[in-house]
Amino acid sequence: MGIELVWEEENGTELARLSDPQSLLKGFLPSASALEFVCLRFVDPYGNTIFNTLQLPVLLQELRVRASSPLEPPIAEHLNKAISLVASAQGYIHTYVRFVGD
C-alpha cells in the first residue's frame, strides 16, 4: 500500500481521495534533507502528514517543481493527479490535505 492523498473537512469528512496502490507517491517525494522543500520533505511515508489551507500554496508549488523534473511516466501521471487534488483544495477554510502513509 502506498501513500493515500486525502482532502478532508476538519471533522474528517472526505472531499476527495487519490489512492496509491502501486506506491507511486514515494517516487516523487524529496528526501528529508532537501531544504528547498519546506512541506514535501516532511511527508511521512509511514504515518500521517497534514497540511492546512495556509500551507497549500507552498505544497502545490513544490509539487509543480517535482513535476518539472524527469520522472517515470506512471509516477509523473500520479503526480499530476496529486497536483489537481491539491489545487482543488486551495481557498477553502476548515479543510486539510492529508498524506496517509502505510
Protein backbone atom coordinates (compact mmCIF):
# COMPACT_ATOMS: atom_id res chain seq x y z
CA MET A 1 0.00 0.00 0.00
CA GLY A 2 1.27 3.45 -0.87
CA ILE A 3 0.59 6.91 0.49
CA GLU A 4 -3.03 7.99 0.08
CA LEU A 5 -3.74 11.67 -0.51
CA VAL A 6 -7.00 12.91 1.05
CA TRP A 7 -8.71 16.29 1.02
CA GLU A 8 -10.93 16.46 4.07
CA GLU A 9 -13.01 18.76 6.24
CA GLU A 10 -11.94 19.42 9.82
CA ASN A 11 -14.46 16.85 11.07
CA GLY A 12 -12.83 14.17 8.90
CA THR A 13 -15.42 14.14 6.11
CA GLU A 14 -13.59 13.16 2.94
CA LEU A 15 -13.97 15.52 -0.02
CA ALA A 16 -11.58 13.78 -2.44
CA ARG A 17 -9.06 10.94 -2.38
CA LEU A 18 -6.15 9.85 -4.53
CA SER A 19 -5.34 6.22 -3.88
CA ASP A 20 -1.83 4.89 -4.35
CA PRO A 21 -1.97 1.08 -4.64
CA GLN A 22 1.31 0.99 -6.60
CA SER A 23 3.25 3.22 -4.15
CA LEU A 24 3.89 5.85 -6.83
CA LEU A 25 3.82 8.85 -4.50
CA LYS A 26 7.07 7.78 -2.87
CA GLY A 27 8.66 8.20 -6.31
CA PHE A 28 8.37 11.98 -6.21
CA LEU A 29 8.94 12.73 -2.54
CA PRO A 30 12.20 14.54 -1.81
CA SER A 31 14.50 13.39 0.96
CA ALA A 32 14.02 14.86 4.43
CA SER A 33 17.30 16.73 3.99
CA ALA A 34 16.10 18.60 0.85
CA LEU A 35 15.80 22.02 2.49
CA GLU A 36 14.30 23.64 -0.61
CA PHE A 37 11.11 21.61 0.01
CA VAL A 38 9.62 23.11 3.16
CA CYS A 39 6.44 20.99 3.00
CA LEU A 40 7.10 17.88 0.90
CA ARG A 41 10.23 16.86 2.77
CA PHE A 42 8.10 16.31 5.89
CA VAL A 43 5.67 13.83 4.34
CA ASP A 44 5.98 10.70 6.45
CA PRO A 45 5.61 7.57 4.28
CA TYR A 46 4.67 5.53 7.36
CA GLY A 47 2.39 7.97 9.19
CA ASN A 48 0.02 10.86 8.55
CA THR A 49 1.10 14.32 7.43
CA ILE A 50 -1.50 17.10 7.35
CA PHE A 51 -1.32 20.45 5.55
CA ASN A 52 -3.73 23.30 6.24
CA THR A 53 -5.13 25.85 3.82
CA LEU A 54 -2.32 28.33 4.51
CA GLN A 55 0.29 25.72 3.58
CA LEU A 56 -1.40 24.51 0.40
CA PRO A 57 0.04 27.15 -1.99
CA VAL A 58 3.56 26.17 -0.89
CA LEU A 59 2.76 22.47 -1.16
CA LEU A 60 1.29 22.99 -4.63
CA GLN A 61 4.35 24.91 -5.80
CA GLU A 62 6.64 22.15 -4.52
CA LEU A 63 4.59 19.51 -6.33
CA ARG A 64 4.87 21.53 -9.53
CA VAL A 65 8.64 21.79 -9.09
CA ARG A 66 8.81 17.99 -8.76
CA ALA A 67 6.67 17.66 -11.92
CA SER A 68 9.21 19.70 -13.87
CA SER A 69 11.92 17.09 -13.25
CA PRO A 70 12.22 13.87 -15.27
CA LEU A 71 10.08 11.09 -13.80
CA GLU A 72 8.93 7.67 -14.92
CA PRO A 73 5.60 8.03 -16.80
CA PRO A 74 3.43 6.30 -14.14
CA ILE A 75 4.96 8.47 -11.39
CA ALA A 76 4.50 11.64 -13.46
CA GLU A 77 0.84 10.76 -14.10
CA HIS A 78 0.23 10.16 -10.39
CA LEU A 79 1.98 13.42 -9.52
CA ASN A 80 -0.29 15.31 -11.93
CA LYS A 81 -3.32 13.81 -10.19
CA ALA A 82 -1.88 14.90 -6.82
CA ILE A 83 -1.39 18.43 -8.20
CA SER A 84 -5.03 18.51 -9.32
CA LEU A 85 -6.27 17.38 -5.91
CA VAL A 86 -4.19 19.95 -4.02
CA ALA A 87 -5.16 22.71 -6.47
CA SER A 88 -8.84 21.86 -5.93
CA ALA A 89 -8.40 22.15 -2.16
CA GLN A 90 -7.00 25.69 -2.23
CA GLY A 91 -9.10 28.54 -0.92
CA TYR A 92 -11.39 26.56 1.36
CA ILE A 93 -11.38 27.17 5.09
CA HIS A 94 -11.51 24.36 7.62
CA THR A 95 -10.24 21.78 5.14
CA TYR A 96 -6.94 19.92 5.05
CA VAL A 97 -4.86 17.77 2.74
CA ARG A 98 -3.66 14.64 4.49
CA PHE A 99 -0.98 12.25 3.30
CA VAL A 100 -1.85 8.87 4.83
CA GLY A 101 1.20 6.60 4.97
CA ASP A 102 1.35 2.82 5.12
